[in-house]
Amino acid sequence: MALHSSFSMTTAAQTFRFLRLETRGAVTVLYVHRPDVLNALNRETLGEIDQAVARFVDDPAQGALIVTGSGEKSFISGADINELAVLDPRGAEEISRFGQKVVDRIEQSPKPVIAAINGYAFGGGCELALGCHMRLASENAVLGLPEVSLGIIPGYGGTQRLPRLIGMGRALEMILTGRRVKADEAAALGLVNRVVPREQLLDEAVKLAETMLKNGPLALSASIESVRRGLEMPLSDALRLESSLFGILAASHDMHEGLRAFLEKRPARFERR
């Protein structure tokens, strides 16, 4: 069982209203906490997520982040419809760009980010999960991008990340029908990495994070960068990126410690920075 410890939700002049944060050793767990609206994302919640992720990235003591929802029914049920309903075209474009910025912040984290999808993940909630580096789902999870039923489209990156993850045809079927998929189908589509029993979801996510954190932190960051940036490049350019990062790591303490530990038949002693 992972070690639990508290994580301060307060900075010098700020307390998060809609997030709960805790640490389990070197793993930060971020709970979106708006239980009265099934953890729907309003602008304030998006802003808090943006700040919390930035703080996590800057914290040398923390190596991985898990994003999940409070309660047993919902991961994030979507964007807050009460906010969307009053937007004019300029405001709608602005909130779309803001949501994209927050999800980009998650995706561009140099440390692993895992979505622990513990229930409904619709609209903006599904899009936020797509920005995480990997996704675990509980058996009761349901995912979808139902925006077309409201006369809009996914606006936090869903039209771009979903086809990159599961292919254009499957993504367009989900987007154009607004169809929601249960956890097992999501796994079959490649939308989530795997499905676990609901009561084991968070522990499984922590276990996955801790397995990664046994490895070299610079290698983890370089791997994330190589995969994330490489997917946006032609293969020849992506291979050059991989070689460049491989070369940079050859000058690192992590590489020398990892190779020395292997030769000496002992666990490597990597340092988080």
Protein backbone atom coordinates (compact mmCIF):
# COMPACT_ATOMS: atom_id res chain seq x y z
CA MET A 1 0.00 0.00 0.00
CA ALA A 2 1.36 3.41 -0.97
CA LEU A 3 2.26 5.85 1.76
CA HIS A 4 -0.33 8.62 2.14
CA SER A 5 0.60 12.14 3.16
CA SER A 6 -1.15 15.48 2.98
CA PHE A 7 -0.54 18.02 0.24
CA SER A 8 -1.06 21.70 0.93
CA MET A 9 -3.94 23.20 -1.01
CA THR A 10 -2.89 26.71 -0.01
CA THR A 11 -0.34 29.09 -1.45
CA ALA A 12 0.53 32.49 -0.07
CA ALA A 13 -2.84 34.00 -0.93
CA GLN A 14 -4.85 31.23 -2.55
CA THR A 15 -6.91 28.21 -1.64
CA PHE A 16 -8.30 25.92 -4.33
CA ARG A 17 -12.09 25.84 -4.23
CA PHE A 18 -12.73 23.02 -6.66
CA LEU A 19 -9.69 20.76 -6.32
CA ARG A 20 -8.43 18.42 -3.64
CA LEU A 21 -4.77 17.44 -3.69
CA GLU A 22 -2.78 14.86 -1.80
CA THR A 23 0.54 13.12 -2.12
CA ARG A 24 1.32 9.44 -1.99
CA GLY A 25 5.08 9.45 -1.70
CA ALA A 26 6.33 11.05 -4.93
CA VAL A 27 2.90 10.82 -6.59
CA THR A 28 0.48 13.75 -6.55
CA VAL A 29 -3.24 12.93 -6.76
CA LEU A 30 -5.46 15.73 -8.06
CA TYR A 31 -9.21 15.34 -7.47
CA VAL A 32 -11.61 17.58 -9.38
CA HIS A 33 -14.15 18.34 -6.66
CA ARG A 34 -17.50 19.80 -7.69
CA PRO A 35 -19.75 16.95 -6.54
CA ASP A 36 -22.97 18.94 -6.86
CA VAL A 37 -22.48 19.13 -10.66
CA LEU A 38 -20.67 15.80 -11.16
CA ASN A 39 -17.31 17.62 -11.28
CA ALA A 40 -18.21 19.71 -14.33
CA LEU A 41 -15.53 22.15 -15.48
CA ASN A 42 -16.25 25.83 -15.11
CA ARG A 43 -13.68 28.49 -15.88
CA GLU A 44 -12.50 28.73 -12.27
CA THR A 45 -11.91 24.99 -12.09
CA LEU A 46 -9.93 25.05 -15.33
CA GLY A 47 -7.80 27.85 -13.90
CA GLU A 48 -7.16 25.92 -10.72
CA ILE A 49 -6.15 22.81 -12.68
CA ASP A 50 -3.74 24.94 -14.74
CA GLN A 51 -2.12 26.32 -11.59
CA ALA A 52 -2.00 22.95 -9.81
CA VAL A 53 -0.33 21.23 -12.76
CA ALA A 54 2.23 24.03 -13.08
CA ARG A 55 3.02 23.71 -9.37
CA PHE A 56 3.36 19.94 -9.67
CA VAL A 57 5.78 20.28 -12.59
CA ASP A 58 7.92 22.72 -10.59
CA ASP A 59 8.02 20.53 -7.45
CA PRO A 60 11.22 18.43 -7.49
CA ALA A 61 9.81 16.11 -4.81
CA GLN A 62 6.91 15.01 -7.03
CA GLY A 63 7.47 12.70 -9.98
CA ALA A 64 4.04 11.74 -11.32
CA LEU A 65 0.51 13.13 -11.33
CA ILE A 66 -2.82 11.31 -11.22
CA VAL A 67 -5.97 13.20 -12.23
CA THR A 68 -9.31 11.84 -11.04
CA GLY A 69 -12.75 12.96 -9.88
CA SER A 70 -14.25 13.16 -6.41
CA GLY A 71 -17.07 10.76 -5.65
CA GLU A 72 -18.04 7.43 -7.15
CA LYS A 73 -20.07 8.45 -10.22
CA SER A 74 -18.10 10.99 -12.18
CA PHE A 75 -14.58 11.70 -13.35
CA ILE A 76 -15.52 15.00 -15.01
CA SER A 77 -18.99 15.20 -16.51
CA GLY A 78 -18.06 17.88 -19.04
CA ALA A 79 -17.98 21.64 -19.29
CA ASP A 80 -20.35 23.66 -17.15
CA ILE A 81 -23.39 24.18 -19.41
CA ASN A 82 -24.56 27.19 -17.39
CA GLU A 83 -21.39 29.02 -18.44
CA LEU A 84 -21.53 27.89 -22.08
CA ALA A 85 -25.17 28.88 -22.54
CA VAL A 86 -24.49 32.62 -22.19
CA LEU A 87 -21.42 32.86 -24.45
CA ASP A 88 -21.29 34.94 -27.61
CA PRO A 89 -18.96 33.88 -30.47
CA ARG A 90 -16.00 35.80 -29.08
CA GLY A 91 -16.50 34.39 -25.58
CA ALA A 92 -16.93 30.86 -26.93
CA GLU A 93 -13.67 31.04 -28.86
CA GLU A 94 -11.90 32.47 -25.82
CA ILE A 95 -13.05 29.72 -23.44
CA SER A 96 -12.13 27.12 -26.06
CA ARG A 97 -8.61 28.52 -26.26
CA PHE A 98 -8.38 28.64 -22.47
CA GLY A 99 -9.51 25.02 -22.13
CA GLN A 100 -7.01 24.00 -24.81
CA LYS A 101 -4.25 25.82 -22.90
CA VAL A 102 -5.05 23.89 -19.71
CA VAL A 103 -5.12 20.52 -21.48
CA ASP A 104 -1.89 21.44 -23.30
CA ARG A 105 -0.31 22.16 -19.90
CA ILE A 106 -1.15 18.59 -18.84
CA GLU A 107 0.05 17.02 -22.09
CA GLN A 108 3.31 18.96 -22.07
CA SER A 109 4.23 17.95 -18.52
CA PRO A 110 7.74 16.46 -18.54
CA LYS A 111 6.59 14.12 -15.77
CA PRO A 112 4.06 11.29 -16.29
CA VAL A 113 0.39 12.22 -15.95
CA ILE A 114 -2.24 9.47 -15.56
CA ALA A 115 -6.00 9.91 -15.80
CA ALA A 116 -7.85 7.64 -13.36
CA ILE A 117 -11.31 7.73 -14.95
CA ASN A 118 -13.71 6.77 -12.18
CA GLY A 119 -17.07 7.36 -13.87
CA TYR A 120 -18.55 9.79 -16.39
CA ALA A 121 -15.99 11.46 -18.67
CA PHE A 122 -17.96 13.51 -21.16
CA GLY A 123 -17.09 16.51 -23.29
CA GLY A 124 -14.42 18.58 -21.58
CA GLY A 125 -13.82 15.76 -19.09
CA CYS A 126 -13.04 13.31 -21.88
CA GLU A 127 -10.85 15.95 -23.54
CA LEU A 128 -8.91 16.51 -20.32
CA ALA A 129 -8.35 12.76 -20.04
CA LEU A 130 -7.10 12.71 -23.65
CA GLY A 131 -4.44 15.24 -22.65
CA CYS A 132 -3.05 12.89 -19.99
CA HIS A 133 -0.21 10.62 -21.06
CA MET A 134 -2.21 7.48 -20.27
CA ARG A 135 -5.65 6.53 -19.00
CA LEU A 136 -6.91 3.88 -16.59
CA ALA A 137 -10.68 3.39 -16.34
CA SER A 138 -12.87 1.83 -13.70
CA GLU A 139 -15.49 -0.70 -14.75
CA ASN A 140 -18.25 1.92 -14.39
CA ALA A 141 -16.50 4.52 -16.56
CA VAL A 142 -18.31 5.93 -19.60
CA LEU A 143 -16.56 8.24 -22.08
CA GLY A 144 -17.85 10.40 -24.90
CA LEU A 145 -17.81 13.67 -26.79
CA PRO A 146 -21.53 14.51 -27.04
CA GLU A 147 -21.12 18.17 -28.02
CA VAL A 148 -22.87 17.84 -31.40
CA SER A 149 -26.11 17.08 -29.55
CA LEU A 150 -25.81 20.61 -28.11
CA GLY A 151 -25.11 22.17 -31.49
CA ILE A 152 -21.40 22.70 -30.82
CA ILE A 153 -18.17 20.74 -31.29
CA PRO A 154 -15.53 19.57 -28.81
CA GLY A 155 -13.51 22.67 -28.04
CA TYR A 156 -10.74 21.61 -25.66
CA GLY A 157 -8.76 19.59 -28.20
CA GLY A 158 -11.05 16.60 -28.65
CA THR A 159 -11.33 16.85 -32.43
CA GLN A 160 -7.54 16.67 -32.65
CA ARG A 161 -6.44 14.29 -29.90
CA LEU A 162 -9.13 11.62 -30.31
CA PRO A 163 -8.31 10.83 -33.99
CA ARG A 164 -4.61 10.81 -33.18
CA LEU A 165 -5.32 8.24 -30.49
CA ILE A 166 -7.89 5.90 -32.11
CA GLY A 167 -7.86 6.86 -35.81
CA MET A 168 -9.97 9.23 -37.88
CA GLY A 169 -12.86 6.91 -38.73
CA ARG A 170 -13.50 5.75 -35.18
CA ALA A 171 -13.03 9.25 -33.81
CA LEU A 172 -15.46 10.79 -36.30
CA GLU A 173 -18.03 8.12 -35.51
CA MET A 174 -17.86 9.03 -31.82
CA ILE A 175 -17.83 12.78 -32.46
CA LEU A 176 -20.55 12.92 -35.14
CA THR A 177 -22.95 10.61 -33.32
CA GLY A 178 -22.14 11.84 -29.81
CA ARG A 179 -22.12 8.17 -28.82
CA ARG A 180 -20.87 7.29 -25.38
CA VAL A 181 -18.70 4.22 -24.88
CA LYS A 182 -18.40 2.08 -21.77
CA ALA A 183 -15.07 1.14 -20.29
CA ASP A 184 -14.59 -2.19 -22.06
CA GLU A 185 -15.28 -0.69 -25.49
CA ALA A 186 -13.03 2.26 -24.67
CA ALA A 187 -10.22 -0.21 -23.97
CA ALA A 188 -10.89 -2.09 -27.21
CA LEU A 189 -10.73 1.19 -29.14
CA GLY A 190 -7.45 2.15 -27.48
CA LEU A 191 -9.10 5.12 -25.79
CA VAL A 192 -7.99 3.83 -22.36
CA ASN A 193 -4.98 1.68 -21.50
CA ARG A 194 -6.93 -0.79 -19.39
CA VAL A 195 -9.96 -1.30 -17.18
CA VAL A 196 -9.71 -2.14 -13.48
CA PRO A 197 -12.28 -2.71 -10.71
CA ARG A 198 -13.60 0.60 -9.38
CA GLU A 199 -12.37 0.04 -5.83
CA GLN A 200 -8.84 -0.66 -7.14
CA LEU A 201 -8.60 2.20 -9.63
CA LEU A 202 -6.62 4.72 -7.62
CA ASP A 203 -4.27 2.14 -6.13
CA GLU A 204 -3.62 0.74 -9.62
CA ALA A 205 -2.88 4.23 -10.92
CA VAL A 206 -0.48 4.88 -8.04
CA LYS A 207 1.18 1.51 -8.60
CA LEU A 208 1.65 2.34 -12.30
CA ALA A 209 3.14 5.72 -11.41
CA GLU A 210 5.48 4.21 -8.81
CA THR A 211 6.70 1.63 -11.34
CA MET A 212 7.64 4.45 -13.71
CA LEU A 213 9.33 6.43 -10.95
CA LYS A 214 11.81 3.62 -10.31
CA ASN A 215 13.43 4.64 -13.60
CA GLY A 216 15.64 7.57 -14.48
CA PRO A 217 13.69 10.85 -14.24
CA LEU A 218 15.57 12.42 -17.16
CA ALA A 219 14.86 9.34 -19.25
CA LEU A 220 11.17 9.55 -18.37
CA SER A 221 11.02 13.20 -19.45
CA ALA A 222 12.98 12.55 -22.63
CA SER A 223 10.73 9.62 -23.51
CA ILE A 224 7.61 11.76 -23.07
CA GLU A 225 9.11 14.53 -25.20
CA SER A 226 10.26 12.14 -27.93
CA VAL A 227 6.86 10.48 -28.24
CA ARG A 228 4.76 13.65 -27.90
CA ARG A 229 6.76 15.83 -30.28
CA GLY A 230 7.63 12.98 -32.60
CA LEU A 231 3.98 12.25 -33.34
CA GLU A 232 3.68 15.75 -34.85
CA MET A 233 6.69 15.27 -37.17
CA PRO A 234 7.54 13.27 -40.29
CA LEU A 235 9.24 10.03 -39.28
CA SER A 236 12.69 11.17 -40.45
CA ASP A 237 12.52 14.29 -38.27
CA ALA A 238 11.14 12.31 -35.33
CA LEU A 239 14.05 9.88 -35.55
CA ARG A 240 16.51 12.78 -35.47
CA LEU A 241 14.74 14.08 -32.38
CA GLU A 242 15.08 10.66 -30.74
CA SER A 243 18.80 10.50 -31.53
CA SER A 244 19.34 14.02 -30.21
CA LEU A 245 17.65 13.20 -26.90
CA PHE A 246 19.56 9.90 -26.70
CA GLY A 247 22.80 11.84 -27.09
CA ILE A 248 21.88 14.41 -24.47
CA LEU A 249 21.13 11.66 -21.94
CA ALA A 250 24.59 10.17 -22.52
CA ALA A 251 26.03 13.19 -20.69
CA SER A 252 23.73 12.77 -17.70
CA HIS A 253 24.38 11.42 -14.23
CA ASP A 254 21.26 9.29 -14.65
CA MET A 255 22.71 7.30 -17.54
CA HIS A 256 26.00 6.66 -15.79
CA GLU A 257 24.24 5.66 -12.57
CA GLY A 258 21.83 3.38 -14.43
CA LEU A 259 24.54 1.59 -16.37
CA ARG A 260 26.83 1.31 -13.34
CA ALA A 261 23.99 -0.12 -11.26
CA PHE A 262 23.24 -2.70 -13.93
CA LEU A 263 26.89 -3.80 -14.09
CA GLU A 264 27.12 -3.90 -10.30
CA LYS A 265 23.84 -5.83 -10.07
CA ARG A 266 22.15 -3.36 -7.73
CA PRO A 267 19.13 -1.04 -7.94
CA ALA A 268 19.91 2.31 -9.50
CA ARG A 269 19.82 5.34 -7.20
CA PHE A 270 18.34 8.04 -9.36
CA GLU A 271 17.79 11.56 -8.03
CA ARG A 272 14.70 13.69 -8.70
CA ARG A 273 15.47 17.27 -9.61
